[in-house]
Amino acid sequence: MRRVLIANRGAIAARAVDTFRTLGWSPIAVVASSDPQRLHALAADGCEYLEGDGLAQTYDHAGRIVEAARRCGADAVYPGYGALAEDPELPERLAAAGIAFVGPTAQVLAAARDKDHAVATADRLGLPVLPHATGHERIAKLVADIGLPVILKPVTGCGGLGVRIVRTEPEAEQALALIGADEGGQGDQGDGWYAERYVEHGAVVGVTVAVDAAATVHALGERESLLVDGSMKLLEASPVRGVAPELVERMRADTARLVTGMGLRGVATVEFIVGSASDGGAGGRRHWFLEVNGRLPLAYRMCEAQTGLDVVALQMELARGALPAPGSIRVDRDAHCMEGRLFIEPAAGGAPGRITALELAPEPGVTYNCALDVRSPVVLDNIVTQVLALGGNRGAAAGAVLRAVEGSGVSGVGTCAEEIAVWLRGSGLVPERLGSQALGV
């Protein structure tokens, strides 16, 4: 039987183990020796241990993952989502070892991860892009030309790490000084930081597609971010209702143009920001390209709710060269869903937390995505669970998420449950008759 190494942890790893077994593969898990959380490995056919501390030296370390794949005789490696799934070093090393990678090529991943390159590609292909710059001198000129605010991002960062919004002149001076220091005083020779105009009150829309070996693009659905805290999307909903349908259609077309122009294959998500004309357009609202991710989205279950597909299985079939029949993948854009994410609030001093009690409320139409062991400390995980609700309309889905979040109890670590509940109660989506409930946190 063919073996696949599931190069991830937590709920997505547990899900991938089940999916690959259904596909007839023998799934092998990885576990960091320093990680007390190991539920994701229980159902696997075997386990490879990764030495080291922290994500960068274990689950996100391409070299150690390839070594693990070699040790267990894996025929393929599946990364799920996260930093490793976007690291071009992994498919490059796997190709050299004769092991298949369930995802795009190293070249495509490198082009997608480099924000400056991705934006330049989007611009060349005719997608709307925001004023932007890379490197100390060019960023300083951008600020002088367009003013503040701007948003700063590491050029090859992922998951929103290191992102900061610069609103005032003192903040700009401080940021530019730090960029100059990071670039070793090389001025415009450095390229570690990327900046673009910041769109105030912008709506983030993600468009997920599957691209087969014949470069045919299959829609897997769209979603909009309703509540964002820093780089974390706490609440997303499908279908998109906060943006005009014709604008969503343009984003779908732009997505297809970009992924085919980049030569991307597999499942990918292109994100856009929607804002007012004052942010760089003329009349009404418009959209701009933000980024492209050649991996499984965190919101993959929302895509599954709208398509009825197992998206993890679809990734594997695409990697094997399958060509879905035209029209065989359909998005039900009348299927309403909403997902809330209970991210863990960092403990004081960054000390590991321990979930002392966890009770997920049974709620019709709601499913949870959780693989945490309440008996063990939480060291590397940053989310307790995803709360996915289906409903006949957005209000019904919102009400189900609210009841699930308020009815569930998490003790021992702080979460963003209250932030989600407060937003939902003030959104006007949830009927007043739901009343007030005590949060179980």
Protein backbone atom coordinates (compact mmCIF):
# COMPACT_ATOMS: atom_id res chain seq x y z
CA MET A 1 0.00 0.00 0.00
CA ARG A 2 1.25 3.50 -0.86
CA ARG A 3 2.27 5.66 2.07
CA VAL A 4 1.62 9.37 2.59
CA LEU A 5 3.26 11.46 5.29
CA ILE A 6 0.81 13.96 6.81
CA ALA A 7 3.15 16.88 7.49
CA ASN A 8 0.98 18.81 9.91
CA ARG A 9 -0.65 18.60 13.31
CA GLY A 10 -3.99 19.16 15.04
CA ALA A 11 -7.40 18.99 13.39
CA ILE A 12 -6.22 19.23 9.78
CA ALA A 13 -3.78 16.35 10.31
CA ALA A 14 -6.49 14.18 11.87
CA ARG A 15 -8.79 14.99 8.96
CA ALA A 16 -6.09 14.19 6.38
CA VAL A 17 -5.42 10.82 8.04
CA ASP A 18 -9.09 9.87 7.59
CA THR A 19 -9.29 11.14 4.01
CA PHE A 20 -6.15 9.40 2.78
CA ARG A 21 -7.17 6.13 4.37
CA THR A 22 -10.49 6.39 2.50
CA LEU A 23 -8.50 6.96 -0.70
CA GLY A 24 -6.57 3.72 -0.09
CA TRP A 25 -3.34 5.27 1.20
CA SER A 26 -1.53 4.39 4.42
CA PRO A 27 -1.28 7.67 6.41
CA ILE A 28 1.77 8.33 8.59
CA ALA A 29 1.72 11.18 11.12
CA VAL A 30 4.48 13.45 12.40
CA VAL A 31 4.83 14.56 16.01
CA ALA A 32 7.34 17.01 17.46
CA SER A 33 9.06 15.43 20.45
CA SER A 34 8.56 18.74 22.26
CA ASP A 35 4.79 18.84 21.51
CA PRO A 36 2.52 17.39 24.22
CA GLN A 37 -0.48 17.48 21.83
CA ARG A 38 -0.58 14.22 19.88
CA LEU A 39 -4.23 13.32 19.26
CA HIS A 40 -3.78 13.82 15.52
CA ALA A 41 -1.43 10.82 15.39
CA LEU A 42 -3.66 8.28 17.13
CA ALA A 43 -5.53 7.10 14.01
CA ALA A 44 -2.48 7.05 11.73
CA ASP A 45 -0.75 3.84 10.67
CA GLY A 46 2.55 5.07 12.07
CA CYS A 47 4.32 8.11 13.46
CA GLU A 48 7.60 9.87 12.77
CA TYR A 49 9.09 12.03 15.53
CA LEU A 50 10.67 15.42 14.85
CA GLU A 51 13.42 16.59 17.17
CA GLY A 52 13.63 20.26 18.11
CA ASP A 53 11.65 23.03 19.78
CA GLY A 54 9.12 25.36 18.25
CA LEU A 55 7.35 25.20 14.91
CA ALA A 56 10.30 26.43 12.86
CA GLN A 57 12.48 23.54 14.05
CA THR A 58 9.81 20.83 13.85
CA TYR A 59 6.52 20.89 11.92
CA ASP A 60 7.63 23.78 9.67
CA HIS A 61 11.17 22.52 9.04
CA ALA A 62 11.32 21.27 5.44
CA GLY A 63 14.55 19.33 5.94
CA ARG A 64 13.26 17.37 8.94
CA ILE A 65 9.96 16.62 7.18
CA VAL A 66 11.82 15.22 4.16
CA GLU A 67 13.99 13.11 6.46
CA ALA A 68 10.84 11.76 8.13
CA ALA A 69 9.33 10.97 4.72
CA ARG A 70 12.46 9.03 3.77
CA ARG A 71 12.53 7.11 7.05
CA CYS A 72 8.96 5.86 6.70
CA GLY A 73 9.21 5.17 2.98
CA ALA A 74 6.55 7.70 2.02
CA ASP A 75 5.49 7.94 -1.60
CA ALA A 76 3.99 11.40 -1.06
CA VAL A 77 3.83 14.23 1.48
CA TYR A 78 0.66 16.17 2.26
CA PRO A 79 1.18 19.54 4.07
CA GLY A 80 -2.37 20.82 4.67
CA TYR A 81 -2.19 24.52 5.47
CA GLY A 82 0.29 26.72 7.33
CA ALA A 83 3.85 27.91 6.80
CA LEU A 84 5.24 24.57 5.60
CA ALA A 85 2.54 24.31 2.91
CA GLU A 86 3.84 27.61 1.43
CA ASP A 87 7.56 26.82 1.71
CA PRO A 88 9.10 26.14 -1.72
CA GLU A 89 12.01 24.32 -0.08
CA LEU A 90 9.73 21.38 0.75
CA PRO A 91 8.67 20.40 -2.81
CA GLU A 92 12.20 21.12 -4.03
CA ARG A 93 13.77 18.75 -1.51
CA LEU A 94 11.06 16.14 -2.04
CA ALA A 95 11.60 16.19 -5.80
CA ALA A 96 15.30 15.57 -5.24
CA ALA A 97 14.38 12.61 -3.02
CA GLY A 98 11.92 11.17 -5.55
CA ILE A 99 8.90 11.79 -3.28
CA ALA A 100 5.69 13.39 -4.55
CA PHE A 101 4.36 16.63 -3.07
CA VAL A 102 0.61 17.24 -2.85
CA GLY A 103 0.68 20.86 -3.90
CA PRO A 104 2.15 23.31 -6.43
CA THR A 105 5.72 23.22 -7.71
CA ALA A 106 8.55 24.87 -5.80
CA GLN A 107 8.79 27.57 -8.47
CA VAL A 108 5.11 28.50 -8.17
CA LEU A 109 5.17 28.49 -4.37
CA ALA A 110 8.23 30.76 -4.37
CA ALA A 111 6.50 33.19 -6.75
CA ALA A 112 3.31 33.18 -4.67
CA ARG A 113 5.05 33.63 -1.31
CA ASP A 114 7.14 36.60 -2.46
CA LYS A 115 4.66 39.46 -2.06
CA ASP A 116 6.53 41.82 -4.34
CA HIS A 117 6.73 39.21 -7.10
CA ALA A 118 3.09 38.16 -6.65
CA VAL A 119 1.84 41.75 -6.88
CA ALA A 120 4.04 42.40 -9.93
CA THR A 121 2.61 39.28 -11.59
CA ALA A 122 -0.95 40.33 -10.75
CA ASP A 123 -0.28 43.79 -12.17
CA ARG A 124 1.21 42.33 -15.37
CA LEU A 125 -1.86 40.12 -15.82
CA GLY A 126 -4.22 43.06 -15.50
CA LEU A 127 -5.42 42.69 -11.91
CA PRO A 128 -5.90 45.90 -9.92
CA VAL A 129 -3.13 46.42 -7.36
CA LEU A 130 -2.53 48.99 -4.63
CA PRO A 131 0.39 51.46 -4.65
CA HIS A 132 3.28 49.45 -3.20
CA ALA A 133 7.03 49.28 -2.71
CA THR A 134 9.79 47.01 -1.44
CA GLY A 135 12.99 47.98 0.37
CA HIS A 136 13.86 50.89 2.63
CA GLU A 137 14.36 53.69 0.09
CA ARG A 138 11.40 52.75 -2.08
CA ILE A 139 9.10 52.40 0.93
CA ALA A 140 10.22 55.82 2.19
CA LYS A 141 9.38 57.28 -1.23
CA LEU A 142 6.00 55.51 -1.25
CA VAL A 143 5.11 57.09 2.11
CA ALA A 144 6.19 60.50 0.82
CA ASP A 145 4.16 60.09 -2.37
CA ILE A 146 0.86 58.65 -1.10
CA GLY A 147 0.92 59.53 2.60
CA LEU A 148 -0.31 57.40 5.49
CA PRO A 149 -1.61 54.91 6.45
CA VAL A 150 0.38 52.10 4.87
CA ILE A 151 0.65 48.47 5.84
CA LEU A 152 4.03 46.77 6.23
CA LYS A 153 4.57 43.06 5.62
CA PRO A 154 7.61 40.77 5.50
CA VAL A 155 8.16 40.03 1.80
CA THR A 156 8.08 36.26 2.29
CA GLY A 157 5.98 36.11 5.44
CA CYS A 158 2.81 34.03 5.75
CA GLY A 159 -0.19 33.89 8.04
CA GLY A 160 -0.04 37.61 8.76
CA LEU A 161 3.07 37.28 10.92
CA GLY A 162 4.97 40.55 11.31
CA VAL A 163 2.29 42.66 9.65
CA ARG A 164 1.83 46.17 11.05
CA ILE A 165 -0.22 49.23 10.13
CA VAL A 166 1.64 52.55 10.11
CA ARG A 167 -0.68 55.53 10.69
CA THR A 168 1.42 58.41 12.04
CA GLU A 169 4.68 60.13 11.11
CA PRO A 170 6.46 58.97 14.28
CA GLU A 171 5.35 55.39 13.55
CA ALA A 172 6.63 55.75 9.98
CA GLU A 173 10.01 57.06 11.16
CA GLN A 174 10.34 54.20 13.62
CA ALA A 175 9.31 51.60 11.04
CA LEU A 176 11.71 52.93 8.42
CA ALA A 177 14.54 52.92 10.96
CA LEU A 178 13.82 49.27 11.76
CA ILE A 179 13.65 48.37 8.07
CA GLY A 180 16.96 50.10 7.48
CA ALA A 181 18.51 48.18 10.37
CA ASP A 182 17.09 44.88 9.11
CA GLU A 183 18.54 45.53 5.70
CA GLY A 184 21.97 46.24 7.15
CA GLY A 185 21.99 49.88 6.13
CA GLN A 186 21.97 48.86 2.48
CA GLY A 187 19.28 51.37 1.52
CA ASP A 188 17.31 50.35 -1.52
CA GLN A 189 19.39 47.19 -1.93
CA GLY A 190 17.39 45.45 0.80
CA ASP A 191 14.13 43.70 0.00
CA GLY A 192 13.01 42.17 3.29
CA TRP A 193 9.92 44.37 3.68
CA TYR A 194 6.94 45.15 1.51
CA ALA A 195 4.54 48.08 1.95
CA GLU A 196 1.28 49.05 0.30
CA ARG A 197 -1.51 51.56 0.78
CA TYR A 198 -3.72 50.54 3.71
CA VAL A 199 -7.42 50.39 2.87
CA GLU A 200 -9.44 51.64 5.82
CA HIS A 201 -12.55 49.58 6.60
CA GLY A 202 -11.73 47.29 3.69
CA ALA A 203 -13.61 44.04 3.19
CA VAL A 204 -11.41 40.99 2.60
CA VAL A 205 -12.79 38.45 0.12
CA GLY A 206 -11.16 35.09 -0.50
CA VAL A 207 -11.79 33.21 -3.77
CA THR A 208 -10.83 29.53 -3.69
CA VAL A 209 -10.37 27.50 -6.86
CA ALA A 210 -9.06 24.14 -8.03
CA VAL A 211 -6.82 24.08 -11.10
CA ASP A 212 -6.32 20.79 -12.91
CA ALA A 213 -3.45 19.59 -15.08
CA ALA A 214 -5.13 21.02 -18.19
CA ALA A 215 -5.20 24.49 -16.54
CA THR A 216 -8.98 24.36 -16.21
CA VAL A 217 -10.13 26.45 -13.25
CA HIS A 218 -12.93 25.04 -11.09
CA ALA A 219 -14.63 27.36 -8.57
CA LEU A 220 -14.75 26.14 -4.96
CA GLY A 221 -16.53 29.18 -3.52
CA GLU A 222 -15.92 32.60 -2.03
CA ARG A 223 -16.17 34.01 1.47
CA GLU A 224 -15.87 37.36 3.20
CA SER A 225 -14.16 38.18 6.47
CA LEU A 226 -16.61 39.68 8.93
CA LEU A 227 -14.34 40.02 11.97
CA VAL A 228 -10.56 40.31 11.88
CA ASP A 229 -8.22 40.81 14.82
CA GLY A 230 -4.75 41.71 13.61
CA SER A 231 -3.85 38.93 11.18
CA MET A 232 -6.48 36.49 12.51
CA LYS A 233 -9.80 36.01 10.71
CA LEU A 234 -12.16 35.30 13.60
CA LEU A 235 -15.38 35.14 11.59
CA GLU A 236 -16.00 34.42 7.90
CA ALA A 237 -19.18 33.87 5.93
CA SER A 238 -20.31 32.48 2.58
CA PRO A 239 -21.72 33.42 0.18
CA VAL A 240 -20.39 36.98 -0.08
CA ARG A 241 -23.14 39.47 0.79
CA GLY A 242 -21.22 42.61 1.75
CA VAL A 243 -19.91 43.22 -1.78
CA ALA A 244 -21.91 43.83 -4.96
CA PRO A 245 -22.39 40.65 -7.09
CA GLU A 246 -20.74 42.24 -10.14
CA LEU A 247 -17.64 43.00 -8.08
CA VAL A 248 -17.50 39.40 -6.81
CA GLU A 249 -17.75 38.22 -10.41
CA ARG A 250 -14.78 40.40 -11.34
CA MET A 251 -12.78 38.86 -8.49
CA ARG A 252 -13.64 35.37 -9.77
CA ALA A 253 -12.39 36.30 -13.23
CA ASP A 254 -9.24 37.91 -11.81
CA THR A 255 -8.56 34.79 -9.76
CA ALA A 256 -8.75 32.55 -12.81
CA ARG A 257 -6.49 34.90 -14.76
CA LEU A 258 -3.88 34.96 -12.00
CA VAL A 259 -3.67 31.26 -11.14
CA THR A 260 -3.44 30.23 -14.79
CA GLY A 261 -0.95 33.01 -15.52
CA MET A 262 1.25 31.79 -12.66
CA GLY A 263 1.05 28.17 -13.81
CA LEU A 264 -0.47 27.14 -10.50
CA ARG A 265 -2.02 23.67 -10.16
CA GLY A 266 -4.05 22.25 -7.28
CA VAL A 267 -6.15 24.17 -4.76
CA ALA A 268 -5.41 27.85 -4.27
CA THR A 269 -6.98 30.96 -2.78
CA VAL A 270 -6.65 34.51 -4.05
CA GLU A 271 -7.50 37.27 -1.58
CA PHE A 272 -8.75 40.72 -2.47
CA ILE A 273 -9.48 43.86 -0.47
CA VAL A 274 -12.59 45.88 -1.33
CA GLY A 275 -12.69 49.57 -0.45
CA SER A 276 -14.03 52.96 -1.44
CA ALA A 277 -12.99 55.15 -4.34
CA SER A 278 -11.00 57.39 -1.98
CA ASP A 279 -8.49 54.56 -1.58
CA GLY A 280 -7.33 54.84 -5.15
CA GLY A 281 -10.28 54.52 -7.51
CA ALA A 282 -12.87 56.68 -9.17
CA GLY A 283 -16.49 56.24 -8.16
CA GLY A 284 -18.13 53.60 -5.93
CA ARG A 285 -16.28 50.63 -4.47
CA ARG A 286 -13.52 48.64 -6.11
CA HIS A 287 -11.23 45.74 -5.38
CA TRP A 288 -7.48 45.19 -5.32
CA PHE A 289 -5.34 42.06 -5.26
CA LEU A 290 -3.89 41.20 -1.84
CA GLU A 291 -2.18 37.80 -2.05
CA VAL A 292 -2.31 34.29 -3.44
CA ASN A 293 -1.95 31.11 -1.37
CA GLY A 294 -1.21 27.86 -3.18
CA ARG A 295 -2.43 25.61 -0.41
CA LEU A 296 -5.51 24.40 1.42
CA PRO A 297 -7.29 27.38 3.02
CA LEU A 298 -8.04 27.38 6.74
CA ALA A 299 -11.68 27.80 5.65
CA TYR A 300 -11.65 24.60 3.57
CA ARG A 301 -14.76 23.27 5.34
CA MET A 302 -16.68 26.30 4.09
CA CYS A 303 -15.73 25.32 0.54
CA GLU A 304 -16.89 21.78 1.28
CA ALA A 305 -20.23 23.08 2.59
CA GLN A 306 -20.83 24.85 -0.71
CA THR A 307 -19.58 22.11 -3.03
CA GLY A 308 -20.25 18.85 -1.21
CA LEU A 309 -16.66 17.79 -1.95
CA ASP A 310 -13.85 16.50 0.22
CA VAL A 311 -11.33 19.21 -0.68
CA VAL A 312 -8.40 17.27 0.79
CA ALA A 313 -9.26 14.33 -1.47
CA LEU A 314 -9.62 16.72 -4.40
CA GLN A 315 -6.09 18.03 -3.76
CA MET A 316 -4.73 14.50 -3.99
CA GLU A 317 -6.65 13.70 -7.16
CA LEU A 318 -5.41 16.90 -8.81
CA ALA A 319 -1.84 16.09 -7.77
CA ARG A 320 -2.21 12.75 -9.53
CA GLY A 321 -3.28 14.50 -12.73
CA ALA A 322 -7.04 13.94 -12.55
CA LEU A 323 -9.14 16.07 -14.92
CA PRO A 324 -12.58 16.69 -13.41
CA ALA A 325 -15.30 16.77 -16.04
CA PRO A 326 -16.48 20.28 -16.96
CA GLY A 327 -19.31 21.27 -14.65
CA SER A 328 -18.71 18.34 -12.28
CA ILE A 329 -17.56 20.70 -9.50
CA ARG A 330 -20.39 23.04 -8.66
CA VAL A 331 -20.75 25.74 -6.02
CA ASP A 332 -24.13 26.12 -4.36
CA ARG A 333 -24.12 29.85 -3.71
CA ASP A 334 -27.47 29.61 -1.97
CA ALA A 335 -25.86 27.46 0.76
CA HIS A 336 -25.17 29.78 3.68
CA CYS A 337 -22.41 29.01 6.14
CA MET A 338 -20.42 30.90 8.73
CA GLU A 339 -17.27 29.90 10.60
CA GLY A 340 -16.02 31.28 13.89
CA ARG A 341 -12.53 30.47 15.14
CA LEU A 342 -11.66 30.28 18.80
CA PHE A 343 -8.05 31.38 18.69
CA ILE A 344 -6.06 31.01 21.90
CA GLU A 345 -4.98 34.26 23.52
CA PRO A 346 -1.26 34.09 24.38
CA ALA A 347 -0.52 33.60 28.06
CA ALA A 348 1.51 36.18 29.97
CA GLY A 349 5.17 35.77 29.14
CA GLY A 350 4.37 33.32 26.37
CA ALA A 351 4.14 30.40 28.82
CA PRO A 352 2.35 27.24 27.63
CA GLY A 353 -1.31 27.08 28.54
CA ARG A 354 -3.32 24.10 29.67
CA ILE A 355 -6.94 23.56 28.73
CA THR A 356 -8.38 22.27 31.99
CA ALA A 357 -11.90 21.79 30.64
CA LEU A 358 -13.42 21.81 27.17
CA GLU A 359 -17.09 21.34 26.39
CA LEU A 360 -18.39 21.98 22.88
CA ALA A 361 -22.12 22.66 22.88
CA PRO A 362 -24.26 20.39 20.68
CA GLU A 363 -26.06 22.73 18.29
CA PRO A 364 -28.11 21.73 15.22
CA GLY A 365 -26.31 22.60 12.01
CA VAL A 366 -22.96 23.16 13.79
CA THR A 367 -19.80 21.08 13.49
CA TYR A 368 -16.51 21.63 15.31
CA ASN A 369 -12.94 21.06 14.12
CA CYS A 370 -10.91 20.27 17.23
CA ALA A 371 -8.10 17.83 18.01
CA LEU A 372 -6.76 19.07 21.36
CA ASP A 373 -6.11 16.87 24.38
CA VAL A 374 -7.33 18.58 27.56
CA ARG A 375 -4.91 16.45 29.58
CA SER A 376 -1.83 18.00 27.96
CA PRO A 377 -0.34 21.52 27.80
CA VAL A 378 -0.89 23.59 24.68
CA VAL A 379 2.53 24.66 23.42
CA LEU A 380 2.40 25.02 19.64
CA ASP A 381 -1.31 25.23 18.81
CA ASN A 382 -3.02 28.60 18.50
CA ILE A 383 -6.66 27.61 18.02
CA VAL A 384 -9.08 25.58 20.15
CA THR A 385 -11.66 24.89 17.47
CA GLN A 386 -13.37 26.10 14.34
CA VAL A 387 -17.14 26.46 14.64
CA LEU A 388 -18.88 25.89 11.30
CA ALA A 389 -22.61 26.57 11.06
CA LEU A 390 -24.96 25.97 8.13
CA GLY A 391 -28.28 27.77 7.77
CA GLY A 392 -31.00 28.71 5.34
CA ASN A 393 -29.78 32.30 5.42
CA ARG A 394 -26.99 34.34 6.97
CA GLY A 395 -29.01 35.19 10.05
CA ALA A 396 -29.68 31.53 10.79
CA ALA A 397 -26.01 30.64 10.39
CA ALA A 398 -24.99 33.59 12.59
CA GLY A 399 -27.44 32.56 15.30
CA ALA A 400 -26.10 29.01 15.28
CA VAL A 401 -22.49 30.22 15.62
CA LEU A 402 -23.50 32.53 18.48
CA ARG A 403 -25.31 29.78 20.38
CA ALA A 404 -22.41 27.38 19.84
CA VAL A 405 -19.79 29.91 20.99
CA GLU A 406 -21.74 31.05 24.03
CA GLY A 407 -22.82 27.53 24.94
CA SER A 408 -19.33 26.04 24.78
CA GLY A 409 -16.93 26.17 27.68
CA VAL A 410 -13.15 26.53 27.58
CA SER A 411 -11.20 26.76 30.83
CA GLY A 412 -7.49 27.23 31.45
CA VAL A 413 -6.68 29.36 28.41
CA GLY A 414 -8.16 32.58 27.10
CA THR A 415 -9.90 32.64 23.72
CA CYS A 416 -11.56 35.17 21.44
CA ALA A 417 -15.03 33.70 22.12
CA GLU A 418 -16.33 36.85 23.75
CA GLU A 419 -15.06 39.04 20.89
CA ILE A 420 -16.96 36.87 18.39
CA ALA A 421 -20.13 36.85 20.49
CA VAL A 422 -20.09 40.62 21.03
CA TRP A 423 -19.65 41.24 17.31
CA LEU A 424 -22.48 38.87 16.37
CA ARG A 425 -24.85 40.44 18.90
CA GLY A 426 -24.09 43.90 17.56
CA SER A 427 -24.23 42.91 13.89
CA GLY A 428 -28.00 42.90 13.50
CA LEU A 429 -27.79 39.40 12.01
CA VAL A 430 -29.05 37.56 15.09
CA PRO A 431 -32.68 37.97 16.23
CA GLU A 432 -33.13 39.73 19.58
CA ARG A 433 -35.15 36.80 20.92
CA LEU A 434 -31.95 34.81 21.37
CA GLY A 435 -31.49 36.86 24.50
CA SER A 436 -28.33 37.08 26.56
CA GLN A 437 -26.36 34.03 27.60
CA ALA A 438 -23.33 33.76 29.82
CA LEU A 439 -20.14 32.92 27.99
CA GLY A 440 -18.61 29.63 29.06
CA VAL A 441 -15.05 30.93 29.20
